Amino acid sequence: MTTPQPPPSVRPVRARVNPILCQGYGICAEILPELFHRDEWGYAQAHARNVDPDERQALDRAVAECPVKAIRLIEPSEESPPRPEGAWGPDTER
């Protein structure tokens, strides 16, 4: 017997912005500034944290209204495994 899963709106989820697709419209940052911010060039970035359940409706709206569909929702089970120490990546300095 499998354990019942909570509905999608209450499962822990993170937002990820594809930096290749993002064109800097900023709609996501206007809808949910607690989660999205714009970098120095105006492109959206998502804070690396789980979305609070009370933010989920606004997040769904931000995803739907992104003109280039650059925002993806990631469930914790889809997270990438940690990189080995010393590996290069977007959150490491060169």
Foldseek 3Di string as FASTA:
>chain_A
DDDDDDPPLQAWKFKAFAPVQWPQPCPLCVLCVVFWDAPPVRTIGGDPDTDDSVCSVSVVVSQVPRPRNRMDMGGPVRDDDDDPPPDDDPPDDD
